[in-house]
């Protein structure tokens, strides 16, 4: 009997963890009864009752596992680490707020049985704020245009990954994993399943301007050279324009020495303009340096505080460097 692993990251999801576990358990007891399963929740240092509820779920059902992180390790590290701790023939990654519909699971498995080692969900429409959806669409088009690697539009990470691909991810040893880019860059031939993203079942989204900016910068610095190239081209262009303007002023001054008065305005405008451009690109290049620094330090993805129901998972099988 094939074993399906479901990996679900959570943070302050006390209203969703119990319904999520019940829905998935029910699915495997009915529609997917020909498969064995494990359900792994990885909690990113929740401050509500999420951990208390997870303990109760794990006590009632030994097929449900839980990992409690020692602190919050961010929106990328924790889900990626949880995926690496699964033991199934394939792993399905989903969010805990029901915005990845449960109905996708049978569809993922069907295409996996047809031979696809990667099956992913693509948001074709969304019930979220329409302005946010439009902004996301614009972001995907920009990153796709400038990326050196194929980028998958409206792919959030939800999907099924064969154990062979999970092994590829285990061997990456990347302290700043960006799953969307990894799938596009290193993944096998994939099947894409379109779906409409529903609203959160309960609770409030933990994404804000900072987390969205963090995701955007990670993708830009990991998969594009546009920041550095743009700095080079704009520096050359501004230098050329500045030289041309300087020559014009020089010629005007030589021809009309007593009547031509340039004043300080052009000088001040030029200084402020060039200064602002320099500050912008110093910040942009700083993002690249920050990304390189994180990889050079090679910190662990997460530090665990506790794990539950992992009696069948030998410690020597945990990837080195991740704990």
Protein backbone atom coordinates (compact mmCIF):
# COMPACT_ATOMS: atom_id res chain seq x y z
CA UNK A 1 0.00 0.00 0.00
CA UNK A 2 1.41 3.35 -1.03
CA UNK A 3 1.85 5.98 1.66
CA UNK A 4 0.83 9.61 1.13
CA UNK A 5 2.36 12.29 3.35
CA UNK A 6 0.55 15.58 3.92
CA UNK A 7 2.76 18.41 5.19
CA UNK A 8 0.97 21.42 6.70
CA UNK A 9 2.80 24.43 8.17
CA UNK A 10 0.89 26.44 10.74
CA UNK A 11 1.23 29.57 12.81
CA UNK A 12 -1.56 30.73 15.13
CA UNK A 13 -4.14 28.50 13.43
CA UNK A 14 -6.12 27.38 16.49
CA UNK A 15 -9.38 27.70 14.52
CA UNK A 16 -8.17 25.58 11.61
CA UNK A 17 -5.89 22.74 12.79
CA UNK A 18 -8.68 20.52 14.13
CA UNK A 19 -11.02 20.92 11.10
CA UNK A 20 -8.05 20.42 8.76
CA UNK A 21 -6.98 17.17 10.45
CA UNK A 22 -10.58 15.92 10.48
CA UNK A 23 -11.16 16.72 6.81
CA UNK A 24 -7.96 15.00 5.66
CA UNK A 25 -8.51 11.96 7.91
CA UNK A 26 -12.05 11.62 6.55
CA UNK A 27 -10.74 11.87 2.99
CA UNK A 28 -8.35 8.96 3.52
CA UNK A 29 -11.03 6.89 5.22
CA UNK A 30 -13.40 7.28 2.26
CA UNK A 31 -12.19 8.48 -1.14
CA UNK A 32 -8.54 7.47 -0.61
CA UNK A 33 -9.01 4.38 1.54
CA UNK A 34 -6.62 2.39 -0.69
CA UNK A 35 -3.71 4.53 0.54
CA UNK A 36 -1.88 4.73 3.83
CA UNK A 37 -1.16 8.26 5.06
CA UNK A 38 0.65 10.46 7.53
CA UNK A 39 -0.30 14.01 8.40
CA UNK A 40 2.53 16.26 9.56
CA UNK A 41 1.90 19.64 11.14
CA UNK A 42 4.93 21.88 11.66
CA UNK A 43 4.18 24.74 14.05
CA UNK A 44 6.23 27.90 13.67
CA UNK A 45 6.12 28.98 17.34
CA UNK A 46 2.42 29.80 17.64
CA UNK A 47 1.33 32.00 20.52
CA UNK A 48 -2.30 30.83 20.68
CA UNK A 49 -3.75 27.35 21.44
CA UNK A 50 -2.46 25.74 18.24
CA UNK A 51 0.13 23.57 20.01
CA UNK A 52 -2.30 22.46 22.68
CA UNK A 53 -4.78 21.36 20.03
CA UNK A 54 -2.07 19.59 18.01
CA UNK A 55 -1.07 17.56 21.07
CA UNK A 56 -4.65 16.40 21.43
CA UNK A 57 -4.90 15.49 17.74
CA UNK A 58 -1.63 13.53 17.85
CA UNK A 59 -2.73 11.66 20.98
CA UNK A 60 -5.94 10.49 19.30
CA UNK A 61 -4.38 9.57 15.95
CA UNK A 62 -0.83 8.20 15.73
CA UNK A 63 -0.78 8.89 12.00
CA UNK A 64 -0.77 12.60 12.81
CA UNK A 65 2.69 13.98 13.60
CA UNK A 66 3.78 17.36 14.86
CA UNK A 67 7.00 19.36 14.98
CA UNK A 68 7.22 22.40 17.24
CA UNK A 69 9.86 24.95 16.26
CA UNK A 70 11.85 26.66 19.01
CA UNK A 71 11.01 30.06 17.45
CA UNK A 72 9.48 31.51 14.31
CA UNK A 73 11.82 30.72 11.40
CA UNK A 74 9.84 32.48 8.70
CA UNK A 75 7.41 31.64 5.95
CA UNK A 76 9.87 29.69 3.78
CA UNK A 77 12.12 27.69 6.09
CA UNK A 78 9.46 26.05 8.23
CA UNK A 79 7.28 24.63 5.39
CA UNK A 80 10.36 23.43 3.51
CA UNK A 81 11.79 21.73 6.61
CA UNK A 82 8.46 20.05 7.35
CA UNK A 83 8.36 18.65 3.84
CA UNK A 84 11.80 17.07 4.36
CA UNK A 85 10.60 15.22 7.47
CA UNK A 86 7.95 13.18 5.68
CA UNK A 87 8.29 9.45 4.94
CA UNK A 88 5.66 8.81 2.27
CA UNK A 89 6.01 7.73 -1.34
CA UNK A 90 4.99 11.29 -2.12
CA UNK A 91 4.39 14.45 -0.11
CA UNK A 92 1.53 16.91 -0.53
CA UNK A 93 2.11 20.43 0.79
CA UNK A 94 -0.89 22.53 1.79
CA UNK A 95 -1.62 25.56 3.95
CA UNK A 96 -3.67 25.25 7.12
CA UNK A 97 -6.26 27.93 6.37
CA UNK A 98 -8.11 25.91 3.67
CA UNK A 99 -7.03 28.29 0.91
CA UNK A 100 -5.55 25.21 -0.76
CA UNK A 101 -8.79 23.23 -1.30
CA UNK A 102 -8.87 19.70 0.15
CA UNK A 103 -10.50 18.58 -3.10
CA UNK A 104 -7.14 19.02 -4.83
CA UNK A 105 -5.60 16.06 -2.97
CA UNK A 106 -7.35 13.28 -5.01
CA UNK A 107 -6.55 15.18 -8.21
CA UNK A 108 -2.87 15.44 -7.23
CA UNK A 109 -2.70 11.72 -6.48
CA UNK A 110 -4.46 10.77 -9.72
CA UNK A 111 -1.90 12.65 -11.82
CA UNK A 112 0.94 11.22 -9.70
CA UNK A 113 -0.33 7.73 -10.48
CA UNK A 114 -0.31 8.72 -14.15
CA UNK A 115 3.46 9.21 -13.92
CA UNK A 116 4.02 12.84 -12.92
CA UNK A 117 6.54 13.26 -10.10
CA UNK A 118 5.42 16.84 -9.48
CA UNK A 119 1.79 17.96 -9.54
CA UNK A 120 1.10 21.55 -8.53
CA UNK A 121 -1.92 23.80 -8.05
CA UNK A 122 -2.15 27.06 -9.99
CA UNK A 123 -4.44 29.88 -8.83
CA UNK A 124 -6.44 30.87 -11.89
CA UNK A 125 -8.84 32.99 -9.86
CA UNK A 126 -9.07 34.01 -6.23
CA UNK A 127 -11.68 35.22 -3.77
CA UNK A 128 -9.04 37.32 -2.03
CA UNK A 129 -8.85 41.09 -2.36
CA UNK A 130 -8.97 41.75 -6.16
CA UNK A 131 -6.36 44.49 -5.83
CA UNK A 132 -3.94 42.06 -4.14
CA UNK A 133 -4.57 39.49 -6.86
CA UNK A 134 -3.80 42.07 -9.56
CA UNK A 135 -0.61 43.11 -7.76
CA UNK A 136 0.47 39.47 -7.47
CA UNK A 137 -0.20 38.99 -11.19
CA UNK A 138 1.95 42.03 -11.98
CA UNK A 139 4.73 40.73 -9.74
CA UNK A 140 4.71 37.32 -11.44
CA UNK A 141 4.91 38.91 -14.88
CA UNK A 142 7.87 41.08 -13.84
CA UNK A 143 9.82 38.25 -12.22
CA UNK A 144 9.05 35.96 -15.18
CA UNK A 145 10.32 38.52 -17.67
CA UNK A 146 13.64 39.12 -15.95
CA UNK A 147 14.36 35.71 -14.41
CA UNK A 148 17.09 33.44 -15.74
CA UNK A 149 14.97 30.47 -14.61
CA UNK A 150 11.41 29.66 -15.65
CA UNK A 151 8.92 31.12 -13.16
CA UNK A 152 5.49 29.63 -12.48
CA UNK A 153 2.74 32.23 -12.27
CA UNK A 154 0.35 32.04 -9.30
CA UNK A 155 2.05 28.99 -7.83
CA UNK A 156 2.08 29.22 -4.03
CA UNK A 157 3.88 25.94 -3.25
CA UNK A 158 0.77 23.79 -2.94
CA UNK A 159 1.29 20.51 -4.74
CA UNK A 160 2.41 16.90 -4.69
CA UNK A 161 6.09 15.98 -4.78
CA UNK A 162 7.37 12.47 -5.36
CA UNK A 163 9.86 11.04 -2.86
CA UNK A 164 12.58 11.31 -5.53
CA UNK A 165 12.10 15.08 -5.66
CA UNK A 166 11.95 15.25 -1.86
CA UNK A 167 15.37 13.58 -1.85
CA UNK A 168 16.66 16.23 -4.25
CA UNK A 169 15.45 18.90 -1.82
CA UNK A 170 17.12 17.12 1.13
CA UNK A 171 20.45 17.27 -0.65
CA UNK A 172 20.23 20.99 -1.49
CA UNK A 173 21.35 22.12 1.97
CA UNK A 174 20.00 25.59 1.17
CA UNK A 175 19.44 27.75 4.29
CA UNK A 176 17.14 30.11 2.38
CA UNK A 177 14.94 27.82 0.25
CA UNK A 178 12.44 29.36 -2.16
CA UNK A 179 10.18 26.45 -3.07
CA UNK A 180 8.55 28.11 -6.05
CA UNK A 181 11.93 28.67 -7.68
CA UNK A 182 13.28 25.24 -6.73
CA UNK A 183 10.35 23.48 -8.43
CA UNK A 184 10.84 25.51 -11.61
CA UNK A 185 14.63 25.16 -11.64
CA UNK A 186 15.24 21.61 -10.43
CA UNK A 187 11.89 19.85 -10.67
CA UNK A 188 10.85 16.98 -12.92
CA UNK A 189 8.24 17.27 -15.67
CA UNK A 190 5.15 18.53 -13.88
CA UNK A 191 1.39 18.66 -14.18
CA UNK A 192 -0.42 21.89 -13.35
CA UNK A 193 -3.96 21.83 -11.95
CA UNK A 194 -5.91 25.12 -12.00
CA UNK A 195 -8.14 26.03 -9.08
CA UNK A 196 -9.98 28.96 -7.54
CA UNK A 197 -8.46 30.06 -4.27
CA UNK A 198 -11.16 30.40 -1.61
CA UNK A 199 -11.09 32.80 1.32
CA UNK A 200 -9.59 31.71 4.62
CA UNK A 201 -11.91 29.41 6.53
CA UNK A 202 -11.20 31.24 9.80
CA UNK A 203 -8.65 33.52 11.39
CA UNK A 204 -6.60 36.31 9.91
CA UNK A 205 -3.87 36.10 7.30
CA UNK A 206 -0.36 36.50 8.72
CA UNK A 207 0.97 37.97 5.47
CA UNK A 208 1.67 41.69 5.55
CA UNK A 209 3.65 44.19 3.52
CA UNK A 210 6.93 43.07 5.08
CA UNK A 211 6.43 39.33 4.41
CA UNK A 212 5.31 40.02 0.84
CA UNK A 213 8.34 42.25 0.29
CA UNK A 214 10.58 39.53 1.76
CA UNK A 215 9.16 36.97 -0.67
CA UNK A 216 9.58 39.32 -3.62
CA UNK A 217 13.20 40.16 -2.75
CA UNK A 218 14.10 36.49 -2.20
CA UNK A 219 12.83 35.59 -5.67
CA UNK A 220 14.51 38.61 -7.27
CA UNK A 221 17.90 38.00 -5.66
CA UNK A 222 17.79 34.22 -6.16
CA UNK A 223 16.65 34.05 -9.77
CA UNK A 224 17.34 37.38 -11.50
CA UNK A 225 20.28 39.65 -12.28
CA UNK A 226 18.03 42.57 -13.09
CA UNK A 227 18.97 44.61 -10.01
CA UNK A 228 22.68 44.55 -10.71
CA UNK A 229 22.27 44.94 -14.47
CA UNK A 230 19.84 47.83 -14.03
CA UNK A 231 22.33 49.58 -11.74
CA UNK A 232 25.06 49.20 -14.37
CA UNK A 233 22.92 50.41 -17.27
CA UNK A 234 21.40 53.32 -15.37
CA UNK A 235 24.79 54.38 -14.06
CA UNK A 236 26.14 54.43 -17.60
CA UNK A 237 23.07 56.29 -18.90
CA UNK A 238 23.12 58.92 -16.14
CA UNK A 239 26.85 59.41 -16.62
CA UNK A 240 26.35 59.91 -20.35
CA UNK A 241 23.51 62.40 -19.86
CA UNK A 242 25.44 64.26 -17.17
CA UNK A 243 28.47 64.51 -19.46
CA UNK A 244 26.30 65.82 -22.32
CA UNK A 245 24.63 68.43 -20.10
CA UNK A 246 27.99 69.47 -18.74
CA UNK A 247 29.36 69.98 -22.26
CA UNK A 248 26.29 72.04 -23.23
CA UNK A 249 26.76 74.29 -20.22
CA UNK A 250 30.49 74.61 -20.95
CA UNK A 251 29.88 75.61 -24.57
CA UNK A 252 27.15 78.08 -23.55
CA UNK A 253 29.43 79.63 -20.97
CA UNK A 254 32.35 79.96 -23.42
CA UNK A 255 30.13 81.53 -26.09
CA UNK A 256 28.22 83.84 -23.72
CA UNK A 257 30.67 84.37 -20.91
CA UNK A 258 29.09 87.50 -19.43
CA UNK A 259 25.40 86.96 -20.25
CA UNK A 260 24.97 83.26 -19.47
CA UNK A 261 24.33 82.49 -15.79
CA UNK A 262 23.59 78.85 -14.93
CA UNK A 263 23.20 79.40 -11.20
CA UNK A 264 23.19 76.64 -8.59
CA UNK A 265 19.85 75.05 -9.57
CA UNK A 266 21.23 72.57 -12.14
CA UNK A 267 24.02 71.60 -9.77
CA UNK A 268 21.68 70.95 -6.83
CA UNK A 269 19.18 69.02 -8.97
CA UNK A 270 21.97 66.87 -10.35
CA UNK A 271 23.40 66.14 -6.90
CA UNK A 272 20.04 65.15 -5.41
CA UNK A 273 19.10 63.05 -8.45
CA UNK A 274 22.35 61.12 -8.59
CA UNK A 275 22.34 60.73 -4.80
CA UNK A 276 18.86 59.22 -4.78
CA UNK A 277 19.77 56.79 -7.57
CA UNK A 278 22.86 55.72 -5.65
CA UNK A 279 20.89 55.14 -2.46
CA UNK A 280 18.27 53.10 -4.35
CA UNK A 281 20.80 50.78 -5.90
CA UNK A 282 22.86 50.50 -2.75
CA UNK A 283 19.73 49.13 -1.11
CA UNK A 284 19.03 46.83 -4.05
CA UNK A 285 22.57 45.46 -4.06
CA UNK A 286 22.34 45.12 -0.30
CA UNK A 287 19.49 42.65 -0.83
CA UNK A 288 21.80 40.51 -2.98
CA UNK A 289 24.55 40.71 -0.36
CA UNK A 290 22.07 39.79 2.38
CA UNK A 291 20.93 36.74 0.42
CA UNK A 292 24.56 35.67 -0.13
CA UNK A 293 25.37 36.25 3.53
CA UNK A 294 22.54 33.99 4.67
CA UNK A 295 23.78 31.22 2.40
CA UNK A 296 27.42 31.64 3.48
CA UNK A 297 26.48 31.39 7.17
CA UNK A 298 24.67 28.11 6.37
CA UNK A 299 22.44 28.28 9.44
CA UNK A 300 19.99 25.40 10.05
CA UNK A 301 16.56 25.73 8.48
CA UNK A 302 14.86 25.47 11.87
CA UNK A 303 15.66 24.42 15.42
CA UNK A 304 13.16 21.96 16.85
CA UNK A 305 11.77 22.22 20.33
CA UNK A 306 9.71 19.04 20.21
CA UNK A 307 8.42 16.37 17.84
CA UNK A 308 5.45 14.07 18.42
CA UNK A 309 4.64 10.60 16.98
CA UNK A 310 8.00 10.19 15.23
CA UNK A 311 8.80 6.80 16.76
CA UNK A 312 9.13 5.27 13.26
CA UNK A 313 11.50 8.02 12.05
CA UNK A 314 15.14 7.19 12.99
CA UNK A 315 17.26 10.16 14.01
CA UNK A 316 20.00 9.16 11.56
CA UNK A 317 17.56 9.75 8.68
CA UNK A 318 17.16 13.43 9.55
CA UNK A 319 19.18 15.45 7.00
CA UNK A 320 22.47 16.66 8.41
CA UNK A 321 22.66 20.36 9.10
CA UNK A 322 18.90 20.85 9.39
CA UNK A 323 18.62 20.37 13.19
